[in-house]
Amino acid sequence: MQWSSLFLYSAVSVLQPTGGERDNILPSWSSTTARHGIVESIERMARAGSPEYVKLDDRVAVLVGDGALWSDALAGADNEVTPPEAGDSFSSFADYSESVRAHLSLHGPKAVGATYREFAFQPLKELVGFLKEHHFQIWVLSFGDHEVDRTMAELNYGLPRFRVIEVTPHAAPMSSTDLARTIWERIGTAPQIFLGRSHSDLGLLKLAGKGEGVLKIQISASQNASTQTPDDSGEQQNSWSFVVSPEEHWLRKYSWQAPSERTYSKN
């Protein structure tokens, strides 16, 4: 069943909160249609007998790391620790890894008291935990500093280093075919859940848009999640199942912020 049909099928349950007990599932999210829809979609994928049921072996989620799971503020942490030169020993790489870990844990932007490690998005930490509870295997795409991304995935999301897929930067944007090949070579199966950013993840968007029944979540930089942005071909990016705006759908971005109070919204 395609997600458009799924939304019509479950409109009543998605448009209304389902009680205080379910509101505790993603506590840093606003009580919105998007939040309830994401929760119910994942639950249906894990519920035996559901038309959207996904077998355990096929429960794979691929999430973009830098800019989606954690803030672009980590760009300030890149290149702060010098990586080993070619031909260095394994101990050099181990020392480098420990240096990156220490830098993320001890340092941060001067204007903010938080460390770089603490710039992981709290709502996404909760979402990853929810996916784990439903036995999803989670992989992270790294388009930036791979060691920073591996360390952030491990420290904040409890993901082993090998679950980070290193995407080598190209002079030109990566095509959806190249991205699909990179994912397949590491995982060997088609993901059932994608989480990406805004229009900078065009390859991810196009790849996810071809999947029948794939849950596709966009973490948008736009303050209005209902706004669709044309891509380079002029086509509107309307293939996402849910478009999430931090300003609209999250009560806080980081664990060190106090949650804001927000009433139920249909967005």
Protein backbone atom coordinates (compact mmCIF):
# COMPACT_ATOMS: atom_id res chain seq x y z
CA MET A 1 0.00 0.00 0.00
CA GLN A 2 1.41 3.41 -0.91
CA TRP A 3 1.68 6.02 1.81
CA SER A 4 -0.86 8.32 0.15
CA SER A 5 -3.43 5.55 0.50
CA LEU A 6 -2.20 4.80 3.98
CA PHE A 7 -2.85 8.35 5.12
CA LEU A 8 -6.45 8.20 3.86
CA TYR A 9 -6.88 4.84 5.54
CA SER A 10 -5.75 6.15 8.93
CA ALA A 11 -6.76 9.83 8.79
CA VAL A 12 -8.95 9.69 11.87
CA SER A 13 -6.29 8.14 14.10
CA VAL A 14 -3.50 10.41 12.82
CA LEU A 15 -5.37 13.71 13.10
CA GLN A 16 -6.11 13.30 16.80
CA PRO A 17 -3.77 12.76 19.75
CA THR A 18 -4.00 9.26 21.11
CA GLY A 19 -3.67 10.08 24.82
CA GLY A 20 -1.02 11.12 27.30
CA GLU A 21 0.61 7.71 27.32
CA ARG A 22 1.42 7.86 23.61
CA ASP A 23 2.52 11.50 23.95
CA ASN A 24 5.50 10.22 25.96
CA ILE A 25 6.87 8.25 22.99
CA LEU A 26 8.67 11.26 21.47
CA PRO A 27 8.57 13.80 24.34
CA SER A 28 10.62 16.49 22.58
CA TRP A 29 8.21 16.61 19.63
CA SER A 30 5.19 18.88 19.41
CA SER A 31 1.81 17.16 19.37
CA THR A 32 1.23 17.47 15.62
CA THR A 33 -0.13 15.41 12.77
CA ALA A 34 3.43 14.76 11.57
CA ARG A 35 4.53 13.38 14.92
CA HIS A 36 1.53 11.09 15.32
CA GLY A 37 1.77 10.01 11.70
CA ILE A 38 5.44 9.06 11.99
CA VAL A 39 4.80 7.11 15.20
CA GLU A 40 1.83 5.21 13.76
CA SER A 41 3.62 4.51 10.47
CA ILE A 42 6.56 2.91 12.28
CA GLU A 43 4.25 0.93 14.54
CA ARG A 44 2.30 -0.40 11.54
CA MET A 45 5.54 -1.48 9.88
CA ALA A 46 6.36 -3.53 12.99
CA ARG A 47 2.85 -4.89 13.63
CA ALA A 48 2.23 -8.43 12.39
CA GLY A 49 -0.92 -8.61 10.30
CA SER A 50 -0.71 -4.97 9.23
CA PRO A 51 -0.80 -4.29 5.45
CA GLU A 52 2.43 -2.30 5.95
CA TYR A 53 4.17 -5.01 8.00
CA VAL A 54 7.92 -5.32 7.36
CA LYS A 55 9.75 -8.54 8.25
CA LEU A 56 12.51 -8.26 10.86
CA ASP A 57 15.29 -8.89 8.35
CA ASP A 58 14.01 -6.08 6.13
CA ARG A 59 13.65 -3.42 8.83
CA VAL A 60 16.42 -1.07 7.73
CA ALA A 61 16.53 2.70 8.15
CA VAL A 62 19.07 4.96 6.43
CA LEU A 63 19.50 8.40 7.97
CA VAL A 64 21.64 11.34 6.90
CA GLY A 65 24.01 12.28 9.70
CA ASP A 66 25.49 15.76 9.49
CA GLY A 67 22.79 18.41 9.21
CA ALA A 68 19.96 15.99 9.99
CA LEU A 69 20.81 13.92 13.08
CA TRP A 70 23.03 16.68 14.38
CA SER A 71 23.45 20.38 13.77
CA ASP A 72 25.63 22.04 11.16
CA ALA A 73 27.34 23.63 14.18
CA LEU A 74 29.62 20.59 14.08
CA ALA A 75 31.22 22.05 10.97
CA GLY A 76 33.28 24.02 13.48
CA ALA A 77 34.68 20.74 14.81
CA ASP A 78 35.92 19.57 11.42
CA ASN A 79 39.66 19.70 10.84
CA GLU A 80 40.32 20.65 14.47
CA VAL A 81 42.19 17.38 14.92
CA THR A 82 44.74 16.49 12.24
CA PRO A 83 44.12 13.07 10.69
CA PRO A 84 47.03 10.65 10.20
CA GLU A 85 49.08 10.81 7.05
CA ALA A 86 48.97 8.01 4.49
CA GLY A 87 51.12 5.11 5.57
CA ASP A 88 50.75 5.75 9.31
CA SER A 89 50.21 2.83 11.67
CA PHE A 90 46.95 1.54 13.12
CA SER A 91 47.90 3.12 16.44
CA SER A 92 47.96 6.52 14.73
CA PHE A 93 44.39 6.05 13.53
CA ALA A 94 43.33 4.92 17.01
CA ASP A 95 44.93 8.02 18.53
CA TYR A 96 43.19 10.18 15.94
CA SER A 97 39.83 8.61 16.76
CA GLU A 98 40.35 9.24 20.48
CA SER A 99 41.37 12.84 19.74
CA VAL A 100 38.16 13.41 17.78
CA ARG A 101 36.12 11.91 20.63
CA ALA A 102 37.84 14.14 23.18
CA HIS A 103 37.41 17.24 21.00
CA LEU A 104 33.66 16.64 20.54
CA SER A 105 33.21 15.98 24.26
CA LEU A 106 35.31 18.83 25.65
CA HIS A 107 35.02 21.70 23.17
CA GLY A 108 32.24 23.59 21.42
CA PRO A 109 31.28 26.92 19.84
CA LYS A 110 32.58 29.77 21.99
CA ALA A 111 29.23 31.58 21.97
CA VAL A 112 27.41 28.58 23.48
CA GLY A 113 28.23 26.64 26.63
CA ALA A 114 27.42 23.27 25.06
CA THR A 115 30.07 20.94 23.67
CA TYR A 116 30.02 19.80 20.05
CA ARG A 117 28.75 16.40 21.14
CA GLU A 118 25.66 18.04 22.64
CA PHE A 119 24.57 19.40 19.26
CA ALA A 120 22.88 16.10 18.39
CA PHE A 121 19.19 16.81 17.89
CA GLN A 122 17.25 15.51 20.90
CA PRO A 123 14.05 14.78 18.89
CA LEU A 124 16.10 12.64 16.47
CA LYS A 125 17.76 10.80 19.35
CA GLU A 126 14.27 9.91 20.52
CA LEU A 127 13.22 8.85 17.02
CA VAL A 128 16.27 6.60 16.66
CA GLY A 129 15.46 5.06 20.04
CA PHE A 130 11.90 4.45 18.87
CA LEU A 131 13.17 2.74 15.72
CA LYS A 132 15.46 0.55 17.80
CA GLU A 133 12.54 -0.48 20.00
CA HIS A 134 10.80 -1.68 16.83
CA HIS A 135 13.89 -3.65 15.77
CA PHE A 136 15.03 -1.44 12.90
CA GLN A 137 18.65 -1.72 11.80
CA ILE A 138 19.92 1.85 11.53
CA TRP A 139 22.61 3.11 9.17
CA VAL A 140 23.93 6.67 8.88
CA LEU A 141 25.12 8.40 5.71
CA SER A 142 28.23 10.51 6.26
CA PHE A 143 28.80 13.27 3.71
CA GLY A 144 31.14 15.30 5.94
CA ASP A 145 34.04 14.45 8.23
CA HIS A 146 33.61 10.68 8.53
CA GLU A 147 35.40 10.32 11.87
CA VAL A 148 33.31 13.11 13.40
CA ASP A 149 30.17 11.43 12.08
CA ARG A 150 31.20 7.98 13.30
CA THR A 151 31.92 9.40 16.76
CA MET A 152 28.64 11.34 16.92
CA ALA A 153 26.67 8.26 15.84
CA GLU A 154 28.37 6.18 18.51
CA LEU A 155 28.24 8.68 21.40
CA ASN A 156 24.72 10.01 20.90
CA TYR A 157 22.83 7.26 19.10
CA GLY A 158 24.54 4.10 20.35
CA LEU A 159 25.39 3.02 16.80
CA PRO A 160 28.59 1.06 16.06
CA ARG A 161 31.16 2.63 13.78
CA PHE A 162 30.51 0.18 10.95
CA ARG A 163 26.92 1.46 10.68
CA VAL A 164 28.20 4.76 9.27
CA ILE A 165 28.34 4.71 5.45
CA GLU A 166 31.08 6.98 4.17
CA VAL A 167 29.96 8.86 1.07
CA THR A 168 32.99 10.33 -0.68
CA PRO A 169 32.49 13.96 -1.74
CA HIS A 170 32.28 14.53 -5.49
CA ALA A 171 32.90 17.65 -7.51
CA ALA A 172 29.36 17.24 -8.85
CA PRO A 173 26.33 16.20 -6.78
CA MET A 174 26.06 12.44 -6.32
CA SER A 175 23.42 10.83 -8.53
CA SER A 176 20.68 8.72 -7.02
CA THR A 177 22.15 5.67 -8.80
CA ASP A 178 25.57 6.20 -7.20
CA LEU A 179 23.97 6.68 -3.80
CA ALA A 180 21.89 3.53 -4.24
CA ARG A 181 25.04 1.58 -5.16
CA THR A 182 26.88 2.92 -2.11
CA ILE A 183 24.02 1.91 0.21
CA TRP A 184 23.60 -1.51 -1.41
CA GLU A 185 27.30 -2.34 -1.20
CA ARG A 186 27.27 -1.72 2.55
CA ILE A 187 23.84 -3.04 3.55
CA GLY A 188 22.77 -5.43 0.79
CA THR A 189 19.08 -4.60 1.04
CA ALA A 190 16.73 -1.75 0.22
CA PRO A 191 15.98 0.52 3.20
CA GLN A 192 12.37 0.91 4.33
CA ILE A 193 12.89 4.28 6.06
CA PHE A 194 14.83 7.30 4.81
CA LEU A 195 15.53 10.46 6.78
CA GLY A 196 17.22 13.36 5.04
CA ARG A 197 17.55 17.10 5.05
CA SER A 198 16.10 19.68 2.69
CA HIS A 199 16.88 20.04 -1.02
CA SER A 200 20.61 19.38 -0.50
CA ASP A 201 19.76 15.67 -0.34
CA LEU A 202 18.44 15.47 -3.89
CA GLY A 203 19.99 12.07 -4.50
CA LEU A 204 18.43 10.69 -1.35
CA LEU A 205 15.07 12.25 -2.21
CA LYS A 206 15.00 10.78 -5.73
CA LEU A 207 16.16 7.39 -4.52
CA ALA A 208 13.58 7.29 -1.72
CA GLY A 209 10.83 8.52 -4.05
CA LYS A 210 11.09 5.36 -6.14
CA GLY A 211 10.36 3.02 -3.24
CA GLU A 212 6.85 1.62 -2.83
CA GLY A 213 5.77 1.92 0.77
CA VAL A 214 9.02 3.56 1.91
CA LEU A 215 8.63 5.99 4.81
CA LYS A 216 10.48 9.18 3.86
CA ILE A 217 11.06 11.90 6.48
CA GLN A 218 12.62 15.24 5.65
CA ILE A 219 14.18 17.44 8.34
CA SER A 220 13.62 20.79 6.66
CA ALA A 221 15.61 23.94 7.28
CA SER A 222 12.53 25.93 6.30
CA GLN A 223 10.42 27.45 9.06
CA ASN A 224 7.34 26.39 7.12
CA ALA A 225 7.36 22.65 6.58
CA SER A 226 4.44 22.86 4.15
CA THR A 227 6.54 24.89 1.69
CA GLN A 228 7.87 22.81 -1.21
CA THR A 229 11.18 23.87 -2.75
CA PRO A 230 11.89 23.27 -6.45
CA ASP A 231 14.94 21.19 -7.20
CA ASP A 232 17.44 21.91 -9.96
CA SER A 233 15.11 20.43 -12.57
CA GLY A 234 12.25 22.69 -11.48
CA GLU A 235 10.26 19.81 -10.00
CA GLN A 236 8.69 20.31 -6.60
CA GLN A 237 9.98 18.15 -3.79
CA ASN A 238 6.65 16.62 -2.84
CA SER A 239 7.80 13.01 -2.53
CA TRP A 240 8.44 13.03 1.22
CA SER A 241 5.96 11.23 3.47
CA PHE A 242 6.50 13.82 6.21
CA VAL A 243 8.32 17.16 6.14
CA VAL A 244 9.43 18.15 9.63
CA SER A 245 10.34 21.73 10.56
CA PRO A 246 12.19 22.09 13.88
CA GLU A 247 10.36 25.35 14.54
CA GLU A 248 6.94 23.76 14.00
CA HIS A 249 7.36 20.18 15.16
CA TRP A 250 9.96 20.16 17.94
CA LEU A 251 9.66 21.48 21.49
CA ARG A 252 13.45 21.76 21.70
CA LYS A 253 16.42 20.95 19.50
CA TYR A 254 18.99 19.91 22.09
CA SER A 255 18.99 18.14 25.44
CA TRP A 256 20.40 21.23 27.17
CA GLN A 257 17.43 23.39 26.15
CA ALA A 258 14.25 23.62 28.18
CA PRO A 259 11.21 22.31 26.26
CA SER A 260 8.77 24.94 25.05
CA GLU A 261 5.04 24.57 25.53
CA ARG A 262 3.04 24.08 22.38
CA THR A 263 -0.54 23.05 21.81
CA TYR A 264 -1.73 20.41 19.34
CA SER A 265 -1.41 21.37 15.70
CA LYS A 266 -2.57 19.72 12.49
CA ASN A 267 0.74 20.49 10.75
